[in-house]
Every structure is written in structure tokens, then in C-alpha cells.
C-alpha atoms as a PDB file:
ATOM      1  CA  MET A   1      45.302  38.964  26.342  1.00  0.00           C
ATOM      2  CA  ALA A   2      43.539  38.971  22.966  1.00  0.00           C
ATOM      3  CA  ARG A   3      40.265  37.156  22.574  1.00  0.00           C
ATOM      4  CA  PRO A   4      40.658  33.899  20.626  1.00  0.00           C
ATOM      5  CA  LEU A   5      39.250  33.065  17.232  1.00  0.00           C
ATOM      6  CA  PHE A   6      36.811  30.208  17.815  1.00  0.00           C
ATOM      7  CA  ILE A   7      36.789  27.451  15.178  1.00  0.00           C
ATOM      8  CA  LEU A   8      33.840  25.150  15.794  1.00  0.00           C
ATOM      9  CA  ASN A   9      33.096  21.922  13.979  1.00  0.00           C
ATOM     10  CA  GLY A  10      29.862  19.971  13.835  1.00  0.00           C
ATOM     11  CA  PRO A  11      28.914  16.306  13.540  1.00  0.00           C
ATOM     12  CA  ASN A  12      31.017  13.620  11.901  1.00  0.00           C
ATOM     13  CA  LEU A  13      33.982  15.909  11.275  1.00  0.00           C
ATOM     14  CA  ASN A  14      35.898  13.788  13.790  1.00  0.00           C
ATOM     15  CA  LEU A  15      35.856  11.146  11.011  1.00  0.00           C
ATOM     16  CA  LEU A  16      37.792  13.273   8.519  1.00  0.00           C
ATOM     17  CA  GLY A  17      40.584  11.380   6.818  1.00  0.00           C
ATOM     18  CA  THR A  18      38.559   8.177   6.654  1.00  0.00           C
ATOM     19  CA  ARG A  19      34.997   9.329   5.867  1.00  0.00           C
ATOM     20  CA  GLU A  20      34.396   9.697   2.141  1.00  0.00           C
ATOM     21  CA  PRO A  21      37.877  11.023   1.292  1.00  0.00           C
ATOM     22  CA  GLU A  22      36.770  11.538  -2.318  1.00  0.00           C
ATOM     23  CA  ILE A  23      34.459  14.292  -0.988  1.00  0.00           C
ATOM     24  CA  TYR A  24      36.187  15.532   2.166  1.00  0.00           C
ATOM     25  CA  GLY A  25      39.850  14.839   1.406  1.00  0.00           C
ATOM     26  CA  SER A  26      42.437  12.855   3.330  1.00  0.00           C
ATOM     27  CA  ALA A  27      43.339  15.437   5.990  1.00  0.00           C
ATOM     28  CA  THR A  28      42.220  14.552   9.504  1.00  0.00           C
ATOM     29  CA  LEU A  29      40.604  17.073  11.801  1.00  0.00           C
ATOM     30  CA  ALA A  30      43.856  17.072  13.814  1.00  0.00           C
ATOM     31  CA  ASP A  31      45.749  17.969  10.601  1.00  0.00           C
ATOM     32  CA  ILE A  32      43.325  20.834   9.981  1.00  0.00           C
ATOM     33  CA  GLU A  33      43.605  22.046  13.565  1.00  0.00           C
ATOM     34  CA  ALA A  34      47.418  22.100  13.322  1.00  0.00           C
ATOM     35  CA  ALA A  35      47.294  24.047  10.042  1.00  0.00           C
ATOM     36  CA  CYS A  36      44.795  26.498  11.540  1.00  0.00           C
ATOM     37  CA  ALA A  37      46.915  27.047  14.645  1.00  0.00           C
ATOM     38  CA  GLU A  38      50.010  27.686  12.531  1.00  0.00           C
ATOM     39  CA  HIS A  39      48.260  30.093  10.163  1.00  0.00           C
ATOM     40  CA  ALA A  40      46.470  31.941  12.954  1.00  0.00           C
ATOM     41  CA  LYS A  41      49.725  32.336  14.892  1.00  0.00           C
ATOM     42  CA  MET A  42      51.322  33.863  11.793  1.00  0.00           C
ATOM     43  CA  LEU A  43      48.514  36.462  11.849  1.00  0.00           C
ATOM     44  CA  GLY A  44      48.859  37.064  15.596  1.00  0.00           C
ATOM     45  CA  LEU A  45      45.670  35.171  16.496  1.00  0.00           C
ATOM     46  CA  ALA A  46      45.065  32.494  19.090  1.00  0.00           C
ATOM     47  CA  ILE A  47      42.457  29.848  18.327  1.00  0.00           C
ATOM     48  CA  ASP A  48      40.000  27.770  20.303  1.00  0.00           C
ATOM     49  CA  PHE A  49      39.330  24.738  18.077  1.00  0.00           C
ATOM     50  CA  ARG A  50      36.543  22.280  18.946  1.00  0.00           C
ATOM     51  CA  GLN A  51      34.375  19.530  17.447  1.00  0.00           C
ATOM     52  CA  THR A  52      31.153  17.978  18.670  1.00  0.00           C
ATOM     53  CA  ASN A  53      28.543  15.586  17.384  1.00  0.00           C
ATOM     54  CA  HIS A  54      25.896  17.130  19.663  1.00  0.00           C
ATOM     55  CA  GLU A  55      23.728  20.059  18.576  1.00  0.00           C
ATOM     56  CA  GLY A  56      23.253  21.524  22.061  1.00  0.00           C
ATOM     57  CA  VAL A  57      26.987  21.397  22.774  1.00  0.00           C
ATOM     58  CA  LEU A  58      27.639  23.231  19.487  1.00  0.00           C
ATOM     59  CA  ILE A  59      25.050  25.886  20.372  1.00  0.00           C
ATOM     60  CA  ASP A  60      26.650  26.334  23.818  1.00  0.00           C
ATOM     61  CA  ALA A  61      30.030  26.796  22.101  1.00  0.00           C
ATOM     62  CA  VAL A  62      28.581  29.399  19.694  1.00  0.00           C
ATOM     63  CA  GLN A  63      27.209  31.315  22.673  1.00  0.00           C
ATOM     64  CA  GLU A  64      30.589  31.057  24.431  1.00  0.00           C
ATOM     65  CA  ALA A  65      32.336  32.329  21.306  1.00  0.00           C
ATOM     66  CA  GLY A  66      29.965  35.286  21.290  1.00  0.00           C
ATOM     67  CA  ARG A  67      30.945  36.148  24.860  1.00  0.00           C
ATOM     68  CA  GLU A  68      34.652  35.367  24.788  1.00  0.00           C
ATOM     69  CA  GLY A  69      35.853  35.295  21.179  1.00  0.00           C
ATOM     70  CA  SER A  70      37.015  37.837  18.632  1.00  0.00           C
ATOM     71  CA  ALA A  71      35.332  35.991  15.741  1.00  0.00           C
ATOM     72  CA  LEU A  72      33.867  32.603  14.887  1.00  0.00           C
ATOM     73  CA  ILE A  73      34.528  30.163  12.081  1.00  0.00           C
ATOM     74  CA  LEU A  74      31.884  27.452  11.966  1.00  0.00           C
ATOM     75  CA  ASN A  75      31.751  24.265   9.953  1.00  0.00           C
ATOM     76  CA  PRO A  76      28.233  23.237  10.942  1.00  0.00           C
ATOM     77  CA  ALA A  77      28.380  20.051   8.862  1.00  0.00           C
ATOM     78  CA  GLY A  78      24.923  18.457   8.678  1.00  0.00           C
ATOM     79  CA  PHE A  79      23.492  20.844  11.272  1.00  0.00           C
ATOM     80  CA  GLY A  80      23.742  23.639   8.723  1.00  0.00           C
ATOM     81  CA  HIS A  81      20.930  22.006   6.773  1.00  0.00           C
ATOM     82  CA  THR A  82      18.718  21.155   9.750  1.00  0.00           C
ATOM     83  CA  SER A  83      19.192  23.438  12.740  1.00  0.00           C
ATOM     84  CA  VAL A  84      17.016  26.487  13.259  1.00  0.00           C
ATOM     85  CA  ALA A  85      18.366  26.543  16.831  1.00  0.00           C
ATOM     86  CA  LEU A  86      21.927  26.946  15.509  1.00  0.00           C
ATOM     87  CA  HIS A  87      20.717  29.781  13.268  1.00  0.00           C
ATOM     88  CA  ASP A  88      19.134  31.479  16.291  1.00  0.00           C
ATOM     89  CA  ALA A  89      22.335  31.113  18.363  1.00  0.00           C
ATOM     90  CA  LEU A  90      24.343  32.735  15.567  1.00  0.00           C
ATOM     91  CA  LYS A  91      21.853  35.601  15.297  1.00  0.00           C
ATOM     92  CA  ALA A  92      22.289  36.241  19.038  1.00  0.00           C
ATOM     93  CA  ILE A  93      26.057  36.872  18.893  1.00  0.00           C
ATOM     94  CA  THR A  94      27.699  40.112  17.792  1.00  0.00           C
ATOM     95  CA  ILE A  95      31.162  38.936  16.728  1.00  0.00           C
ATOM     96  CA  PRO A  96      31.893  38.213  13.050  1.00  0.00           C
ATOM     97  CA  ALA A  97      30.923  34.652  12.107  1.00  0.00           C
ATOM     98  CA  ILE A  98      31.936  32.760   8.986  1.00  0.00           C
ATOM     99  CA  GLU A  99      30.393  29.510   7.741  1.00  0.00           C
ATOM    100  CA  ILE A 100      32.771  27.091   6.058  1.00  0.00           C
ATOM    101  CA  HIS A 101      32.436  23.751   4.314  1.00  0.00           C
ATOM    102  CA  LEU A 102      35.076  21.430   2.930  1.00  0.00           C
ATOM    103  CA  SER A 103      32.884  20.424   0.003  1.00  0.00           C
ATOM    104  CA  GLN A 104      30.633  22.560  -2.171  1.00  0.00           C
ATOM    105  CA  PRO A 105      27.098  21.922  -0.841  1.00  0.00           C
ATOM    106  CA  ALA A 106      25.448  23.494  -3.898  1.00  0.00           C
ATOM    107  CA  ALA A 107      27.061  20.832  -6.094  1.00  0.00           C
ATOM    108  CA  ARG A 108      25.830  17.946  -3.940  1.00  0.00           C
ATOM    109  CA  GLU A 109      22.477  16.407  -3.012  1.00  0.00           C
ATOM    110  CA  ALA A 110      19.479  18.745  -3.127  1.00  0.00           C
ATOM    111  CA  PHE A 111      18.932  18.600   0.641  1.00  0.00           C
ATOM    112  CA  ARG A 112      22.387  20.186   1.110  1.00  0.00           C
ATOM    113  CA  HIS A 113      21.530  23.222  -1.028  1.00  0.00           C
ATOM    114  CA  HIS A 114      19.860  25.101   1.836  1.00  0.00           C
ATOM    115  CA  SER A 115      21.750  26.291   4.893  1.00  0.00           C
ATOM    116  CA  PHE A 116      19.993  27.677   7.957  1.00  0.00           C
ATOM    117  CA  VAL A 117      23.387  29.070   8.989  1.00  0.00           C
ATOM    118  CA  SER A 118      24.135  31.171   5.894  1.00  0.00           C
ATOM    119  CA  SER A 119      21.612  33.912   6.637  1.00  0.00           C
ATOM    120  CA  ALA A 120      23.033  34.349  10.157  1.00  0.00           C
ATOM    121  CA  VAL A 121      26.744  34.795   9.331  1.00  0.00           C
ATOM    122  CA  SER A 122      28.992  37.412   7.745  1.00  0.00           C
ATOM    123  CA  GLY A 123      29.937  35.136   4.849  1.00  0.00           C
ATOM    124  CA  THR A 124      30.380  31.582   3.603  1.00  0.00           C
ATOM    125  CA  ILE A 125      33.408  29.759   2.208  1.00  0.00           C
ATOM    126  CA  SER A 126      32.952  26.325   0.650  1.00  0.00           C
ATOM    127  CA  GLY A 127      34.441  23.866  -1.764  1.00  0.00           C
ATOM    128  CA  PHE A 128      38.153  24.339  -1.085  1.00  0.00           C
ATOM    129  CA  GLY A 129      38.730  21.268   1.075  1.00  0.00           C
ATOM    130  CA  ALA A 130      40.888  21.846   4.137  1.00  0.00           C
ATOM    131  CA  ARG A 131      41.939  25.187   2.606  1.00  0.00           C
ATOM    132  CA  SER A 132      38.418  26.467   3.420  1.00  0.00           C
ATOM    133  CA  TYR A 133      39.595  26.776   7.034  1.00  0.00           C
ATOM    134  CA  ILE A 134      42.650  28.868   6.088  1.00  0.00           C
ATOM    135  CA  LEU A 135      40.475  31.094   3.911  1.00  0.00           C
ATOM    136  CA  GLY A 136      38.087  31.404   6.851  1.00  0.00           C
ATOM    137  CA  ILE A 137      40.935  32.508   9.116  1.00  0.00           C
ATOM    138  CA  GLU A 138      41.970  35.108   6.540  1.00  0.00           C
ATOM    139  CA  ALA A 139      38.405  36.417   6.340  1.00  0.00           C
ATOM    140  CA  ALA A 140      38.021  36.450  10.139  1.00  0.00           C
ATOM    141  CA  HIS A 141      41.318  38.289  10.515  1.00  0.00           C
ATOM    142  CA  ALA A 142      40.167  40.954   8.055  1.00  0.00           C
ATOM    143  CA  LEU A 143      36.818  41.334   9.840  1.00  0.00           C
ATOM    144  CA  ILE A 144      38.500  41.583  13.255  1.00  0.00           C
ATOM    145  CA  ALA A 145      40.934  44.209  11.919  1.00  0.00           C
ATOM    146  CA  SER A 146      38.140  46.300  10.421  1.00  0.00           C
ATOM    147  CA  ALA A 147      35.875  46.168  13.491  1.00  0.00           C
ATOM    148  CA  PRO A 148      35.469  49.473  15.307  1.00  0.00           C
ATOM    149  CA  ALA A 149      37.458  49.785  18.513  1.00  0.00           C
ATOM    150  CA  PRO A 150      35.387  49.324  21.663  1.00  0.00           C
ATOM    151  CA  GLN A 151      34.209  52.570  23.224  1.00  0.00           C
ATOM    152  CA  ARG A 152      35.654  53.401  26.634  1.00  0.00           C
ATOM    153  CA  THR A 153      33.245  54.635  29.229  1.00  0.00           C
ATOM    154  CA  ALA A 154      34.263  57.219  31.797  1.00  0.00           C
END
């Protein structure tokens, strides 16, 4: 069985649909998960989609993705701007990792302009609302497809 594409979501994303819809849109996290599952299936990928408000739980999930996943899409939310530990967890995994954001952090408050995550991932997608997730799946699919095949040992 193929290794799943992990899609991990950080704090407050469980409030999507009601939290600042003028910034984050009206789609709920369940809506986004359903769209991701449908798009990934179309590409022949299974997903493992999760959300947590707890930094340590998110770091554990990143480590799990590194062991068991084919790639990682991460919306770190506020932890992207604060967590060196999340950066270190991402640096420790070898699968492709993509940072995504619904909004465009560079166009928002100054404290959102720096991401500890960005320097530890393959690329970043931001500012496309819920579509950022679909673009992330497309990018992950391309990175998975271009990865060298594992070497067999005799």
C-alpha cells in the first residue's frame, strides 16, 4: 500500500468558516479536508489529514509523517511564526514538505512576515484561500513523482 500524503494543520484552523472569514474565507476545515481527499484520490494519493492546537502534538505528527508518509503539506498557522521546535522537526524528516497558508502572511501584520518553517521545507504556497491546499497537493504529487526510487539491497 502506498504511503499517505500527510496534511497537517496547526492552531485555530478548527475555527475556519467562522473565524475572520474576510481573511480566511468561509470554507470549514471539514470542507477543505473533503476537497483534499477528492483531489488526492484523483491523483492516486491517500491522505492523512489532521489538526491540532498543541505544538507538541503537531511536532509528533511531523515526525510520524517523516516515518510513514510520502510527503507532507503543513499549514502551521501561528506556529510558523513562533516555533523553532517545529522548524527542527521539519529539518529532521527526509520526505518533501510544503508550507501552505490560506492568507498571504507577507501582506499582513509585520510579525507574520517571518516564518521559521519556510527555511525547512521544499516550498511555500500562500494567499489562495482554500485553494492553497489543492495547489499544495499538486506540488506534493510532483515532488513524489520526481523522487528517486528507493534502492533495493541484496
